[in-house]
Amino acid sequence: MTTKGMYSVYDIKSKSYAPPFLEITDGTAIRAISDIIANNPSHPFSRYSEDFRLVRIGFFEEESAKVDNDKFSEVIKLDQLTGE
């Protein structure tokens, strides 16, 4: 079965999560967020990176549509991606 990670970005200030997205690994999820930060300097992830955390909220099995959300964990603080 093909399983992908389900990720979201947590906003410390609003205490809320962004809509989830799928990626192959934690590394590709970090790359996706890094692209947003690098290409959009006015984006809140870029301007207020200290307020955001990339989190893995579970896994999604593509063949069965089964969601396993027992593996929640913080992947990286976004300010680690901006060098702040």
N, C-alpha and C. Protein backbone atom coordinates (compact mmCIF):
# COMPACT_ATOMS: atom_id res chain seq x y z
N MET A 1 0.83 -1.19 0.00
CA MET A 1 0.00 0.00 0.00
C MET A 1 0.87 1.25 0.00
N THR A 2 0.40 2.27 -0.68
CA THR A 2 1.10 3.55 -0.68
C THR A 2 0.54 4.41 0.44
N THR A 3 1.42 4.78 1.34
CA THR A 3 1.03 5.61 2.48
C THR A 3 1.78 6.93 2.40
N LYS A 4 1.05 8.01 2.61
CA LYS A 4 1.66 9.34 2.63
C LYS A 4 1.38 9.98 3.98
N GLY A 5 2.29 10.88 4.36
CA GLY A 5 2.07 11.64 5.58
C GLY A 5 1.06 12.74 5.36
N MET A 6 0.27 12.99 6.40
CA MET A 6 -0.67 14.12 6.40
C MET A 6 -0.05 15.19 7.30
N TYR A 7 0.05 16.39 6.76
CA TYR A 7 0.73 17.48 7.46
C TYR A 7 -0.17 18.70 7.58
N SER A 8 0.13 19.52 8.57
CA SER A 8 -0.55 20.79 8.75
C SER A 8 0.45 21.76 9.36
N VAL A 9 0.12 23.02 9.32
CA VAL A 9 0.94 24.03 9.99
C VAL A 9 0.10 24.59 11.13
N TYR A 10 0.69 24.54 12.32
CA TYR A 10 0.02 25.05 13.52
C TYR A 10 0.44 26.49 13.75
N ASP A 11 -0.54 27.35 13.99
CA ASP A 11 -0.32 28.77 14.28
C ASP A 11 -0.44 28.96 15.79
N ILE A 12 0.67 29.28 16.43
CA ILE A 12 0.70 29.45 17.88
C ILE A 12 -0.20 30.60 18.33
N LYS A 13 -0.22 31.69 17.56
CA LYS A 13 -0.99 32.87 17.97
C LYS A 13 -2.50 32.63 17.91
N SER A 14 -2.96 32.01 16.83
CA SER A 14 -4.41 31.78 16.70
C SER A 14 -4.84 30.44 17.30
N LYS A 15 -3.84 29.62 17.68
CA LYS A 15 -4.11 28.29 18.24
C LYS A 15 -4.98 27.46 17.31
N SER A 16 -4.60 27.47 16.01
CA SER A 16 -5.37 26.73 15.01
C SER A 16 -4.43 26.11 13.99
N TYR A 17 -4.98 25.12 13.29
CA TYR A 17 -4.22 24.40 12.27
C TYR A 17 -4.70 24.79 10.88
N ALA A 18 -3.75 24.87 9.95
CA ALA A 18 -4.08 25.10 8.54
C ALA A 18 -4.68 23.82 7.96
N PRO A 19 -5.39 23.92 6.83
CA PRO A 19 -5.89 22.70 6.18
C PRO A 19 -4.75 21.73 5.90
N PRO A 20 -5.01 20.44 6.06
CA PRO A 20 -3.93 19.46 5.87
C PRO A 20 -3.54 19.28 4.41
N PHE A 21 -2.31 18.78 4.23
CA PHE A 21 -1.82 18.44 2.89
C PHE A 21 -1.04 17.13 3.01
N LEU A 22 -0.89 16.44 1.89
CA LEU A 22 -0.19 15.16 1.85
C LEU A 22 1.19 15.32 1.25
N GLU A 23 2.16 14.58 1.79
CA GLU A 23 3.50 14.52 1.24
C GLU A 23 4.06 13.12 1.46
N ILE A 24 5.10 12.78 0.73
CA ILE A 24 5.69 11.45 0.79
C ILE A 24 6.41 11.21 2.12
N THR A 25 7.18 12.20 2.58
CA THR A 25 7.97 12.07 3.81
C THR A 25 8.00 13.41 4.54
N ASP A 26 8.53 13.38 5.76
CA ASP A 26 8.74 14.63 6.49
C ASP A 26 9.63 15.57 5.68
N GLY A 27 10.65 15.00 5.04
CA GLY A 27 11.57 15.82 4.25
C GLY A 27 10.90 16.55 3.10
N THR A 28 10.00 15.88 2.40
CA THR A 28 9.32 16.55 1.28
C THR A 28 8.30 17.56 1.80
N ALA A 29 7.74 17.33 2.98
CA ALA A 29 6.84 18.31 3.59
C ALA A 29 7.63 19.57 3.98
N ILE A 30 8.82 19.38 4.54
CA ILE A 30 9.69 20.51 4.88
C ILE A 30 10.04 21.28 3.61
N ARG A 31 10.36 20.57 2.54
CA ARG A 31 10.70 21.24 1.28
C ARG A 31 9.52 22.06 0.75
N ALA A 32 8.31 21.52 0.84
CA ALA A 32 7.11 22.24 0.36
C ALA A 32 6.92 23.55 1.14
N ILE A 33 7.09 23.49 2.45
CA ILE A 33 6.95 24.70 3.27
C ILE A 33 8.11 25.65 3.00
N SER A 34 9.31 25.10 2.83
CA SER A 34 10.48 25.95 2.51
C SER A 34 10.27 26.71 1.22
N ASP A 35 9.64 26.07 0.22
CA ASP A 35 9.34 26.74 -1.05
C ASP A 35 8.39 27.91 -0.83
N ILE A 36 7.39 27.72 0.00
CA ILE A 36 6.45 28.81 0.30
C ILE A 36 7.19 29.98 0.92
N ILE A 37 8.03 29.68 1.90
CA ILE A 37 8.78 30.73 2.59
C ILE A 37 9.73 31.46 1.64
N ALA A 38 10.46 30.71 0.83
CA ALA A 38 11.45 31.31 -0.07
C ALA A 38 10.83 32.13 -1.18
N ASN A 39 9.67 31.71 -1.67
CA ASN A 39 9.07 32.37 -2.84
C ASN A 39 8.00 33.40 -2.50
N ASN A 40 7.67 33.55 -1.23
CA ASN A 40 6.61 34.47 -0.83
C ASN A 40 7.03 35.25 0.42
N PRO A 41 7.89 36.24 0.28
CA PRO A 41 8.38 36.96 1.47
C PRO A 41 7.30 37.67 2.26
N SER A 42 6.15 37.93 1.65
CA SER A 42 5.07 38.59 2.39
C SER A 42 4.11 37.60 3.04
N HIS A 43 4.31 36.32 2.81
CA HIS A 43 3.44 35.28 3.40
C HIS A 43 3.67 35.25 4.92
N PRO A 44 2.62 35.02 5.70
CA PRO A 44 2.79 34.95 7.15
C PRO A 44 3.85 33.92 7.60
N PHE A 45 3.99 32.81 6.88
CA PHE A 45 5.03 31.83 7.23
C PHE A 45 6.41 32.45 7.15
N SER A 46 6.59 33.40 6.23
CA SER A 46 7.87 34.09 6.08
C SER A 46 8.02 35.22 7.09
N ARG A 47 6.99 36.02 7.22
CA ARG A 47 7.06 37.22 8.06
C ARG A 47 7.04 36.90 9.55
N TYR A 48 6.31 35.86 9.94
CA TYR A 48 6.14 35.52 11.35
C TYR A 48 6.50 34.06 11.61
N SER A 49 7.60 33.62 11.04
CA SER A 49 7.96 32.20 11.09
C SER A 49 8.02 31.65 12.51
N GLU A 50 8.35 32.49 13.48
CA GLU A 50 8.43 32.03 14.87
C GLU A 50 7.07 31.60 15.43
N ASP A 51 5.99 31.97 14.76
CA ASP A 51 4.63 31.64 15.21
C ASP A 51 4.11 30.31 14.68
N PHE A 52 4.87 29.62 13.83
CA PHE A 52 4.33 28.45 13.13
C PHE A 52 5.18 27.20 13.34
N ARG A 53 4.50 26.05 13.35
CA ARG A 53 5.13 24.74 13.46
C ARG A 53 4.55 23.82 12.39
N LEU A 54 5.41 23.11 11.68
CA LEU A 54 4.96 22.07 10.77
C LEU A 54 4.76 20.81 11.60
N VAL A 55 3.58 20.21 11.50
CA VAL A 55 3.28 19.00 12.26
C VAL A 55 2.77 17.90 11.34
N ARG A 56 3.14 16.67 11.67
CA ARG A 56 2.57 15.51 10.98
C ARG A 56 1.36 15.09 11.80
N ILE A 57 0.19 15.13 11.19
CA ILE A 57 -1.04 14.83 11.92
C ILE A 57 -1.50 13.39 11.71
N GLY A 58 -0.80 12.65 10.87
CA GLY A 58 -1.15 11.25 10.66
C GLY A 58 -0.65 10.75 9.32
N PHE A 59 -1.23 9.63 8.91
CA PHE A 59 -0.89 9.01 7.64
C PHE A 59 -2.15 8.67 6.87
N PHE A 60 -2.05 8.69 5.55
CA PHE A 60 -3.17 8.41 4.65
C PHE A 60 -2.77 7.28 3.71
N GLU A 61 -3.57 6.21 3.67
CA GLU A 61 -3.33 5.11 2.75
C GLU A 61 -4.14 5.36 1.49
N GLU A 62 -3.43 5.51 0.37
CA GLU A 62 -4.09 5.89 -0.89
C GLU A 62 -5.06 4.84 -1.41
N GLU A 63 -4.75 3.56 -1.26
CA GLU A 63 -5.60 2.51 -1.82
C GLU A 63 -6.91 2.32 -1.04
N SER A 64 -6.85 2.52 0.28
CA SER A 64 -8.03 2.25 1.11
C SER A 64 -8.69 3.51 1.66
N ALA A 65 -8.02 4.64 1.55
CA ALA A 65 -8.45 5.92 2.12
C ALA A 65 -8.48 5.87 3.65
N LYS A 66 -7.78 4.91 4.23
CA LYS A 66 -7.69 4.81 5.68
C LYS A 66 -6.79 5.91 6.21
N VAL A 67 -7.22 6.54 7.29
CA VAL A 67 -6.44 7.58 7.94
C VAL A 67 -6.01 7.08 9.32
N ASP A 68 -4.72 7.16 9.57
CA ASP A 68 -4.16 6.78 10.87
C ASP A 68 -3.61 8.04 11.50
N ASN A 69 -4.29 8.56 12.51
CA ASN A 69 -3.83 9.80 13.14
C ASN A 69 -3.23 9.55 14.51
N ASP A 70 -2.70 8.34 14.73
CA ASP A 70 -2.04 8.02 15.99
C ASP A 70 -0.58 8.46 16.02
N LYS A 71 -0.07 8.98 14.94
CA LYS A 71 1.35 9.31 14.82
C LYS A 71 1.60 10.82 14.77
N PHE A 72 0.83 11.60 15.52
CA PHE A 72 0.97 13.05 15.54
C PHE A 72 2.33 13.43 16.11
N SER A 73 3.05 14.32 15.42
CA SER A 73 4.31 14.82 15.96
C SER A 73 4.72 16.13 15.28
N GLU A 74 5.45 16.94 16.03
CA GLU A 74 6.01 18.16 15.45
C GLU A 74 7.19 17.78 14.58
N VAL A 75 7.23 18.33 13.37
CA VAL A 75 8.32 18.05 12.44
C VAL A 75 9.41 19.10 12.55
N ILE A 76 9.02 20.39 12.47
CA ILE A 76 10.01 21.46 12.53
C ILE A 76 9.32 22.79 12.84
N LYS A 77 10.05 23.67 13.53
CA LYS A 77 9.60 25.03 13.76
C LYS A 77 9.97 25.82 12.51
N LEU A 78 9.04 26.59 11.97
CA LEU A 78 9.29 27.28 10.72
C LEU A 78 10.43 28.29 10.81
N ASP A 79 10.70 28.85 11.99
CA ASP A 79 11.82 29.78 12.09
C ASP A 79 13.17 29.08 11.88
N GLN A 80 13.20 27.77 11.99
CA GLN A 80 14.43 27.02 11.68
C GLN A 80 14.69 27.03 10.16
N LEU A 81 13.65 27.25 9.39
CA LEU A 81 13.79 27.29 7.93
C LEU A 81 14.17 28.67 7.41
N THR A 82 13.97 29.68 8.23
CA THR A 82 14.27 31.05 7.80
C THR A 82 15.58 31.55 8.36
N GLY A 83 16.17 30.81 9.28
CA GLY A 83 17.42 31.22 9.88
C GLY A 83 17.27 32.26 10.97
N GLU A 84 16.04 32.46 11.42
CA GLU A 84 15.81 33.46 12.48
C GLU A 84 15.99 32.86 13.85
